[in-house]
Amino acid sequence: MKTCTLATVGLLLTVNAIAAEPPTSGKPLSKPLKPAVTQNCPEYIQSATWVYRYSADYPFNEWMLSLIPTDCGRYIDPSETAYMFYEIVKKAGQSKYWANNRGMINQLTCHLSAAREKPEWNLEPWRPYVGYSKTLAAGCNPVEPDPDPAYH
C-alpha cells in the first residue's frame, strides 16, 4: 500500500500541472480558490462511501466512491490535489472496490476543475483511464477506453 500511495502521489504531481487550468464549466465559482503550495485544509473530504449504483435507467451497474468534500476541500488550488487524493486513499483505498488509481485521479481532478459546486462527487474505478483531457471532455465520466497504448 505504501509503494502504491507514493507512486500515486508522484503521478498527481504531474496531473497538477494539467489541472492548473481555470474551471471550464463557464459558471463562476461561489468562492475563490485558495492559492496554495502546501496543505491548507485540515480535512479535504467530509465523507467517502462506497455505493453500488443500480438502476434500470442507468446502463452501468457498478460500485462507485461517493465523496462529499469539506468546504475547504471544495475550493483548493490544484497544487493541493495530491493532499486530497492521499486523504481519499487513506479513507477508502483499503476497500476491495478500489482500483484504477490513474483513472480515479483524473476523475477527481476533473471534478475540481469542472464540477466543484456539485454537492457530491462520484469516482468510479471501473471507468477507463483515458488521460485528463479526455476525462474532462467526457464530463468526468469516460466510458470508451482509449486505444492509445500509452494509456494502458
N, C-alpha and C. Protein backbone atom coordinates (compact mmCIF):
# COMPACT_ATOMS: atom_id res chain seq x y z
N MET A 1 0.83 -1.19 0.00
CA MET A 1 0.00 0.00 0.00
C MET A 1 0.87 1.25 0.00
N LYS A 2 1.98 1.26 0.77
CA LYS A 2 2.82 2.45 0.84
C LYS A 2 3.44 2.75 -0.52
N THR A 3 3.95 1.74 -1.22
CA THR A 3 4.55 1.95 -2.52
C THR A 3 3.52 2.49 -3.50
N CYS A 4 2.34 1.92 -3.48
CA CYS A 4 1.26 2.36 -4.37
C CYS A 4 0.89 3.81 -4.08
N THR A 5 0.80 4.17 -2.80
CA THR A 5 0.44 5.52 -2.41
C THR A 5 1.51 6.51 -2.85
N LEU A 6 2.78 6.16 -2.65
CA LEU A 6 3.86 7.05 -3.06
C LEU A 6 3.87 7.25 -4.57
N ALA A 7 3.66 6.17 -5.31
CA ALA A 7 3.60 6.27 -6.76
C ALA A 7 2.41 7.13 -7.19
N THR A 8 1.30 6.98 -6.50
CA THR A 8 0.12 7.76 -6.80
C THR A 8 0.36 9.24 -6.55
N VAL A 9 0.98 9.57 -5.44
CA VAL A 9 1.27 10.97 -5.14
C VAL A 9 2.22 11.54 -6.18
N GLY A 10 3.21 10.76 -6.62
CA GLY A 10 4.12 11.21 -7.67
C GLY A 10 3.38 11.46 -8.96
N LEU A 11 2.44 10.59 -9.30
CA LEU A 11 1.64 10.77 -10.50
C LEU A 11 0.79 12.04 -10.40
N LEU A 12 0.31 12.32 -9.22
CA LEU A 12 -0.51 13.51 -9.02
C LEU A 12 0.26 14.79 -9.26
N LEU A 13 1.54 14.80 -8.94
CA LEU A 13 2.33 15.99 -9.17
C LEU A 13 2.34 16.34 -10.65
N THR A 14 2.36 15.31 -11.50
CA THR A 14 2.28 15.52 -12.95
C THR A 14 0.90 16.01 -13.34
N VAL A 15 -0.13 15.41 -12.77
CA VAL A 15 -1.51 15.77 -13.09
C VAL A 15 -1.81 17.20 -12.65
N ASN A 16 -1.21 17.65 -11.55
CA ASN A 16 -1.48 19.01 -11.06
C ASN A 16 -1.13 20.07 -12.08
N ALA A 17 -0.08 19.86 -12.85
CA ALA A 17 0.30 20.83 -13.86
C ALA A 17 -0.80 20.96 -14.91
N ILE A 18 -1.43 19.85 -15.26
CA ILE A 18 -2.52 19.86 -16.23
C ILE A 18 -3.76 20.51 -15.62
N ALA A 19 -4.00 20.26 -14.33
CA ALA A 19 -5.22 20.73 -13.68
C ALA A 19 -5.17 22.20 -13.32
N ALA A 20 -4.08 22.87 -13.57
CA ALA A 20 -3.95 24.26 -13.18
C ALA A 20 -4.78 25.19 -14.06
N GLU A 21 -5.51 24.63 -15.02
CA GLU A 21 -6.36 25.44 -15.88
C GLU A 21 -7.54 25.96 -15.09
N PRO A 22 -8.12 27.09 -15.49
CA PRO A 22 -9.31 27.57 -14.79
C PRO A 22 -10.49 26.65 -15.05
N PRO A 23 -11.50 26.68 -14.19
CA PRO A 23 -12.68 25.83 -14.39
C PRO A 23 -13.28 26.06 -15.76
N THR A 24 -13.80 24.98 -16.35
CA THR A 24 -14.32 25.06 -17.71
C THR A 24 -15.83 25.03 -17.78
N SER A 25 -16.49 25.00 -16.66
CA SER A 25 -17.95 24.91 -16.68
C SER A 25 -18.61 26.20 -17.15
N GLY A 26 -17.86 27.31 -17.17
CA GLY A 26 -18.44 28.56 -17.61
C GLY A 26 -19.13 29.33 -16.49
N LYS A 27 -19.45 28.65 -15.38
CA LYS A 27 -20.09 29.32 -14.26
C LYS A 27 -19.02 29.83 -13.30
N PRO A 28 -19.18 31.04 -12.76
CA PRO A 28 -18.22 31.49 -11.76
C PRO A 28 -18.38 30.69 -10.48
N LEU A 29 -17.28 30.49 -9.78
CA LEU A 29 -17.32 29.77 -8.52
C LEU A 29 -17.95 30.65 -7.45
N SER A 30 -18.64 30.04 -6.50
CA SER A 30 -19.25 30.82 -5.44
C SER A 30 -18.20 31.32 -4.45
N LYS A 31 -17.06 30.65 -4.39
CA LYS A 31 -15.97 31.08 -3.52
C LYS A 31 -14.69 31.07 -4.34
N PRO A 32 -13.76 31.96 -4.04
CA PRO A 32 -12.50 31.94 -4.78
C PRO A 32 -11.64 30.74 -4.36
N LEU A 33 -10.78 30.30 -5.28
CA LEU A 33 -9.85 29.22 -4.96
C LEU A 33 -8.83 29.72 -3.96
N LYS A 34 -8.35 28.81 -3.12
CA LYS A 34 -7.31 29.15 -2.16
C LYS A 34 -5.96 28.85 -2.79
N PRO A 35 -5.16 29.85 -3.13
CA PRO A 35 -3.85 29.55 -3.70
C PRO A 35 -2.98 28.84 -2.67
N ALA A 36 -2.30 27.79 -3.10
CA ALA A 36 -1.52 27.02 -2.13
C ALA A 36 -0.39 26.28 -2.80
N VAL A 37 0.62 26.01 -2.04
CA VAL A 37 1.67 25.08 -2.43
C VAL A 37 1.87 24.08 -1.32
N THR A 38 1.16 24.26 -0.24
CA THR A 38 1.21 23.33 0.89
C THR A 38 -0.21 22.97 1.28
N GLN A 39 -0.32 22.05 2.21
CA GLN A 39 -1.63 21.61 2.67
C GLN A 39 -2.28 22.71 3.51
N ASN A 40 -3.42 23.19 3.06
CA ASN A 40 -4.12 24.27 3.76
C ASN A 40 -5.38 23.81 4.47
N CYS A 41 -5.91 22.65 4.12
CA CYS A 41 -7.15 22.16 4.74
C CYS A 41 -6.81 21.12 5.80
N PRO A 42 -7.40 21.22 6.97
CA PRO A 42 -7.20 20.16 7.96
C PRO A 42 -7.83 18.85 7.50
N GLU A 43 -8.87 18.96 6.68
CA GLU A 43 -9.54 17.79 6.12
C GLU A 43 -10.14 18.22 4.78
N TYR A 44 -9.97 17.36 3.77
CA TYR A 44 -10.47 17.67 2.43
C TYR A 44 -11.80 16.98 2.15
N ILE A 45 -11.99 15.83 2.72
CA ILE A 45 -13.16 15.00 2.44
C ILE A 45 -13.98 14.82 3.72
N GLN A 46 -15.24 15.25 3.66
CA GLN A 46 -16.15 15.09 4.80
C GLN A 46 -16.57 13.64 4.94
N SER A 47 -16.91 13.00 3.79
CA SER A 47 -17.28 11.59 3.84
C SER A 47 -16.93 10.91 2.52
N ALA A 48 -16.62 9.63 2.64
CA ALA A 48 -16.31 8.79 1.47
C ALA A 48 -17.04 7.47 1.68
N THR A 49 -17.99 7.18 0.80
CA THR A 49 -18.83 5.99 0.97
C THR A 49 -18.89 5.21 -0.33
N TRP A 50 -18.66 3.90 -0.24
CA TRP A 50 -18.81 3.04 -1.42
C TRP A 50 -20.28 2.74 -1.61
N VAL A 51 -20.76 2.96 -2.83
CA VAL A 51 -22.18 2.78 -3.15
C VAL A 51 -22.29 1.93 -4.41
N TYR A 52 -23.19 0.96 -4.39
CA TYR A 52 -23.47 0.19 -5.60
C TYR A 52 -24.59 0.88 -6.33
N ARG A 53 -24.31 1.36 -7.52
CA ARG A 53 -25.29 2.08 -8.30
C ARG A 53 -26.03 1.08 -9.19
N TYR A 54 -27.32 0.94 -8.92
CA TYR A 54 -28.15 0.05 -9.73
C TYR A 54 -29.44 0.76 -10.07
N SER A 55 -29.75 0.78 -11.34
CA SER A 55 -31.00 1.37 -11.79
C SER A 55 -31.30 0.83 -13.18
N ALA A 56 -32.54 0.62 -13.45
CA ALA A 56 -32.94 0.18 -14.78
C ALA A 56 -32.64 1.28 -15.81
N ASP A 57 -32.61 2.54 -15.35
CA ASP A 57 -32.34 3.67 -16.24
C ASP A 57 -30.86 3.94 -16.44
N TYR A 58 -30.02 3.33 -15.60
CA TYR A 58 -28.58 3.59 -15.65
C TYR A 58 -27.90 2.40 -16.31
N PRO A 59 -27.15 2.60 -17.39
CA PRO A 59 -26.59 1.46 -18.13
C PRO A 59 -25.43 0.74 -17.44
N PHE A 60 -24.82 1.38 -16.42
CA PHE A 60 -23.66 0.78 -15.76
C PHE A 60 -23.99 0.51 -14.30
N ASN A 61 -24.14 -0.73 -13.95
CA ASN A 61 -24.43 -1.10 -12.57
C ASN A 61 -23.12 -1.53 -11.92
N GLU A 62 -22.48 -0.60 -11.25
CA GLU A 62 -21.14 -0.80 -10.71
C GLU A 62 -20.99 -0.08 -9.38
N TRP A 63 -19.87 -0.38 -8.69
CA TRP A 63 -19.52 0.30 -7.46
C TRP A 63 -18.90 1.65 -7.77
N MET A 64 -19.21 2.64 -6.94
CA MET A 64 -18.60 3.96 -7.06
C MET A 64 -18.29 4.49 -5.67
N LEU A 65 -17.33 5.38 -5.62
CA LEU A 65 -16.96 6.02 -4.36
C LEU A 65 -17.63 7.39 -4.34
N SER A 66 -18.58 7.56 -3.45
CA SER A 66 -19.32 8.80 -3.32
C SER A 66 -18.60 9.69 -2.30
N LEU A 67 -18.15 10.85 -2.74
CA LEU A 67 -17.40 11.77 -1.89
C LEU A 67 -18.18 13.04 -1.63
N ILE A 68 -18.12 13.49 -0.39
CA ILE A 68 -18.61 14.82 -0.06
C ILE A 68 -17.41 15.59 0.44
N PRO A 69 -16.94 16.56 -0.34
CA PRO A 69 -15.77 17.33 0.09
C PRO A 69 -16.15 18.32 1.20
N THR A 70 -15.17 18.67 2.02
CA THR A 70 -15.40 19.73 3.00
C THR A 70 -15.46 21.06 2.25
N ASP A 71 -15.93 22.10 2.91
CA ASP A 71 -15.95 23.42 2.27
C ASP A 71 -14.54 23.83 1.88
N CYS A 72 -13.58 23.56 2.72
CA CYS A 72 -12.20 23.89 2.41
C CYS A 72 -11.71 23.06 1.23
N GLY A 73 -11.98 21.77 1.21
CA GLY A 73 -11.53 20.89 0.15
C GLY A 73 -12.13 21.22 -1.20
N ARG A 74 -13.33 21.71 -1.20
CA ARG A 74 -14.02 22.02 -2.46
C ARG A 74 -13.33 23.15 -3.23
N TYR A 75 -12.65 24.05 -2.53
CA TYR A 75 -12.07 25.23 -3.17
C TYR A 75 -10.54 25.27 -3.11
N ILE A 76 -9.93 24.11 -3.14
CA ILE A 76 -8.47 24.08 -3.11
C ILE A 76 -7.88 24.49 -4.45
N ASP A 77 -6.66 24.95 -4.37
CA ASP A 77 -5.85 25.22 -5.54
C ASP A 77 -5.38 23.87 -6.10
N PRO A 78 -5.18 23.76 -7.41
CA PRO A 78 -4.72 22.49 -7.98
C PRO A 78 -3.45 21.92 -7.33
N SER A 79 -2.62 22.78 -6.73
CA SER A 79 -1.40 22.28 -6.09
C SER A 79 -1.69 21.41 -4.87
N GLU A 80 -2.91 21.44 -4.37
CA GLU A 80 -3.27 20.62 -3.22
C GLU A 80 -3.96 19.31 -3.59
N THR A 81 -4.11 19.03 -4.87
CA THR A 81 -4.81 17.82 -5.31
C THR A 81 -4.17 16.56 -4.74
N ALA A 82 -2.87 16.51 -4.66
CA ALA A 82 -2.19 15.32 -4.12
C ALA A 82 -2.58 15.08 -2.67
N TYR A 83 -2.71 16.15 -1.89
CA TYR A 83 -3.13 16.00 -0.49
C TYR A 83 -4.54 15.44 -0.41
N MET A 84 -5.42 15.96 -1.28
CA MET A 84 -6.80 15.47 -1.27
C MET A 84 -6.85 14.00 -1.68
N PHE A 85 -6.13 13.64 -2.73
CA PHE A 85 -6.18 12.25 -3.18
C PHE A 85 -5.59 11.32 -2.13
N TYR A 86 -4.53 11.75 -1.46
CA TYR A 86 -3.93 10.94 -0.40
C TYR A 86 -4.96 10.69 0.71
N GLU A 87 -5.72 11.71 1.07
CA GLU A 87 -6.76 11.54 2.09
C GLU A 87 -7.84 10.56 1.62
N ILE A 88 -8.20 10.63 0.34
CA ILE A 88 -9.20 9.70 -0.20
C ILE A 88 -8.66 8.27 -0.13
N VAL A 89 -7.41 8.09 -0.48
CA VAL A 89 -6.79 6.75 -0.42
C VAL A 89 -6.80 6.25 1.02
N LYS A 90 -6.46 7.11 1.97
CA LYS A 90 -6.48 6.70 3.39
C LYS A 90 -7.88 6.31 3.84
N LYS A 91 -8.89 7.02 3.38
CA LYS A 91 -10.26 6.76 3.83
C LYS A 91 -10.92 5.60 3.10
N ALA A 92 -10.59 5.40 1.82
CA ALA A 92 -11.34 4.41 1.04
C ALA A 92 -10.48 3.43 0.26
N GLY A 93 -9.18 3.60 0.27
CA GLY A 93 -8.30 2.79 -0.56
C GLY A 93 -8.13 1.35 -0.13
N GLN A 94 -8.54 1.01 1.07
CA GLN A 94 -8.42 -0.37 1.55
C GLN A 94 -9.58 -1.25 1.08
N SER A 95 -10.57 -0.65 0.47
CA SER A 95 -11.74 -1.40 0.00
C SER A 95 -11.38 -2.33 -1.15
N LYS A 96 -12.08 -3.44 -1.23
CA LYS A 96 -11.88 -4.36 -2.35
C LYS A 96 -12.35 -3.74 -3.67
N TYR A 97 -13.11 -2.65 -3.60
CA TYR A 97 -13.61 -2.00 -4.81
C TYR A 97 -12.62 -0.98 -5.37
N TRP A 98 -11.61 -0.63 -4.59
CA TRP A 98 -10.62 0.35 -5.03
C TRP A 98 -9.79 -0.22 -6.17
N ALA A 99 -9.66 0.52 -7.24
CA ALA A 99 -8.86 0.12 -8.39
C ALA A 99 -8.62 1.35 -9.26
N ASN A 100 -7.75 1.22 -10.24
CA ASN A 100 -7.58 2.22 -11.29
C ASN A 100 -7.18 3.59 -10.73
N ASN A 101 -6.06 3.65 -10.03
CA ASN A 101 -5.60 4.91 -9.44
C ASN A 101 -5.56 6.05 -10.46
N ARG A 102 -5.00 5.80 -11.63
CA ARG A 102 -4.85 6.87 -12.61
C ARG A 102 -6.21 7.39 -13.08
N GLY A 103 -7.15 6.51 -13.32
CA GLY A 103 -8.48 6.95 -13.71
C GLY A 103 -9.19 7.71 -12.60
N MET A 104 -9.01 7.25 -11.36
CA MET A 104 -9.63 7.92 -10.21
C MET A 104 -9.03 9.31 -10.02
N ILE A 105 -7.70 9.45 -10.21
CA ILE A 105 -7.06 10.76 -10.10
C ILE A 105 -7.61 11.69 -11.17
N ASN A 106 -7.74 11.19 -12.39
CA ASN A 106 -8.28 12.03 -13.46
C ASN A 106 -9.72 12.46 -13.16
N GLN A 107 -10.53 11.56 -12.62
CA GLN A 107 -11.91 11.92 -12.29
C GLN A 107 -11.93 12.98 -11.18
N LEU A 108 -11.08 12.81 -10.15
CA LEU A 108 -11.02 13.79 -9.07
C LEU A 108 -10.58 15.14 -9.61
N THR A 109 -9.52 15.16 -10.39
CA THR A 109 -9.01 16.41 -10.95
C THR A 109 -10.06 17.07 -11.83
N CYS A 110 -10.80 16.28 -12.56
CA CYS A 110 -11.88 16.79 -13.39
C CYS A 110 -12.97 17.45 -12.53
N HIS A 111 -13.34 16.79 -11.44
CA HIS A 111 -14.35 17.38 -10.55
C HIS A 111 -13.85 18.71 -9.98
N LEU A 112 -12.57 18.77 -9.63
CA LEU A 112 -12.01 20.01 -9.10
C LEU A 112 -11.98 21.11 -10.16
N SER A 113 -11.94 20.74 -11.41
CA SER A 113 -11.90 21.72 -12.48
C SER A 113 -13.29 22.11 -12.98
N ALA A 114 -14.17 21.13 -13.13
CA ALA A 114 -15.44 21.39 -13.82
C ALA A 114 -16.68 21.17 -12.97
N ALA A 115 -16.55 20.58 -11.79
CA ALA A 115 -17.77 20.25 -11.02
C ALA A 115 -17.61 20.54 -9.53
N ARG A 116 -16.85 21.54 -9.18
CA ARG A 116 -16.62 21.88 -7.77
C ARG A 116 -17.90 22.10 -7.00
N GLU A 117 -18.88 22.69 -7.64
CA GLU A 117 -20.11 23.07 -6.96
C GLU A 117 -21.07 21.91 -6.73
N LYS A 118 -20.84 20.78 -7.39
CA LYS A 118 -21.74 19.64 -7.17
C LYS A 118 -21.65 19.23 -5.70
N PRO A 119 -22.77 18.94 -5.07
CA PRO A 119 -22.73 18.60 -3.65
C PRO A 119 -21.98 17.29 -3.37
N GLU A 120 -22.01 16.38 -4.32
CA GLU A 120 -21.39 15.06 -4.15
C GLU A 120 -20.60 14.75 -5.41
N TRP A 121 -19.42 14.18 -5.19
CA TRP A 121 -18.58 13.78 -6.33
C TRP A 121 -18.50 12.27 -6.33
N ASN A 122 -18.68 11.66 -7.49
CA ASN A 122 -18.59 10.20 -7.60
C ASN A 122 -17.36 9.83 -8.42
N LEU A 123 -16.49 9.03 -7.82
CA LEU A 123 -15.34 8.48 -8.52
C LEU A 123 -15.64 7.01 -8.77
N GLU A 124 -15.48 6.60 -10.01
CA GLU A 124 -15.87 5.24 -10.39
C GLU A 124 -14.65 4.49 -10.91
N PRO A 125 -14.16 3.54 -10.14
CA PRO A 125 -12.93 2.84 -10.53
C PRO A 125 -13.07 2.00 -11.79
N TRP A 126 -14.26 1.66 -12.19
CA TRP A 126 -14.46 0.84 -13.40
C TRP A 126 -14.31 1.67 -14.67
N ARG A 127 -14.37 2.99 -14.56
CA ARG A 127 -14.22 3.82 -15.76
C ARG A 127 -12.79 3.74 -16.27
N PRO A 128 -12.59 3.70 -17.58
CA PRO A 128 -11.24 3.54 -18.13
C PRO A 128 -10.38 4.78 -17.92
N TYR A 129 -9.09 4.55 -17.78
CA TYR A 129 -8.13 5.65 -17.75
C TYR A 129 -7.89 6.09 -19.19
N VAL A 130 -8.21 7.35 -19.48
CA VAL A 130 -8.03 7.87 -20.83
C VAL A 130 -7.21 9.15 -20.84
N GLY A 131 -6.66 9.53 -19.71
CA GLY A 131 -5.92 10.79 -19.60
C GLY A 131 -6.85 11.91 -19.18
N TYR A 132 -6.24 12.97 -18.65
CA TYR A 132 -7.04 14.06 -18.09
C TYR A 132 -7.90 14.78 -19.13
N SER A 133 -7.32 15.14 -20.28
CA SER A 133 -8.09 15.93 -21.26
C SER A 133 -9.31 15.17 -21.77
N LYS A 134 -9.18 13.87 -21.98
CA LYS A 134 -10.33 13.09 -22.44
C LYS A 134 -11.34 12.86 -21.31
N THR A 135 -10.85 12.77 -20.07
CA THR A 135 -11.76 12.65 -18.93
C THR A 135 -12.58 13.93 -18.81
N LEU A 136 -11.93 15.07 -18.94
CA LEU A 136 -12.62 16.36 -18.88
C LEU A 136 -13.62 16.49 -20.02
N ALA A 137 -13.22 16.09 -21.23
CA ALA A 137 -14.11 16.16 -22.39
C ALA A 137 -15.33 15.27 -22.21
N ALA A 138 -15.20 14.20 -21.42
CA ALA A 138 -16.32 13.28 -21.18
C ALA A 138 -17.12 13.68 -19.95
N GLY A 139 -16.96 14.90 -19.48
CA GLY A 139 -17.72 15.34 -18.31
C GLY A 139 -17.34 14.58 -17.06
N CYS A 140 -16.09 14.17 -16.94
CA CYS A 140 -15.53 13.42 -15.81
C CYS A 140 -15.96 11.95 -15.82
N ASN A 141 -16.68 11.52 -16.83
CA ASN A 141 -17.23 10.16 -16.88
C ASN A 141 -16.88 9.44 -18.18
N PRO A 142 -15.60 9.15 -18.41
CA PRO A 142 -15.26 8.45 -19.65
C PRO A 142 -15.84 7.04 -19.67
N VAL A 143 -16.24 6.61 -20.84
CA VAL A 143 -16.81 5.28 -20.99
C VAL A 143 -15.97 4.44 -21.94
N GLU A 144 -15.55 5.03 -23.03
CA GLU A 144 -14.79 4.30 -24.04
C GLU A 144 -13.32 4.27 -23.70
N PRO A 145 -12.70 3.10 -23.66
CA PRO A 145 -11.26 3.04 -23.43
C PRO A 145 -10.51 3.70 -24.57
N ASP A 146 -9.36 4.23 -24.26
CA ASP A 146 -8.54 4.88 -25.28
C ASP A 146 -7.69 3.81 -25.95
N PRO A 147 -7.73 3.73 -27.28
CA PRO A 147 -6.92 2.68 -27.96
C PRO A 147 -5.43 2.97 -27.91
N ASP A 148 -5.03 4.17 -27.47
CA ASP A 148 -3.62 4.53 -27.39
C ASP A 148 -2.95 3.67 -26.31
N PRO A 149 -1.95 2.86 -26.65
CA PRO A 149 -1.29 2.00 -25.64
C PRO A 149 -0.62 2.79 -24.52
N ALA A 150 -0.38 4.09 -24.71
CA ALA A 150 0.23 4.88 -23.64
C ALA A 150 -0.68 4.98 -22.43
N TYR A 151 -1.97 4.75 -22.61
CA TYR A 151 -2.92 4.85 -21.51
C TYR A 151 -3.23 3.50 -20.86
N HIS A 152 -2.47 2.48 -21.21
CA HIS A 152 -2.78 1.16 -20.63
C HIS A 152 -1.58 0.58 -19.93
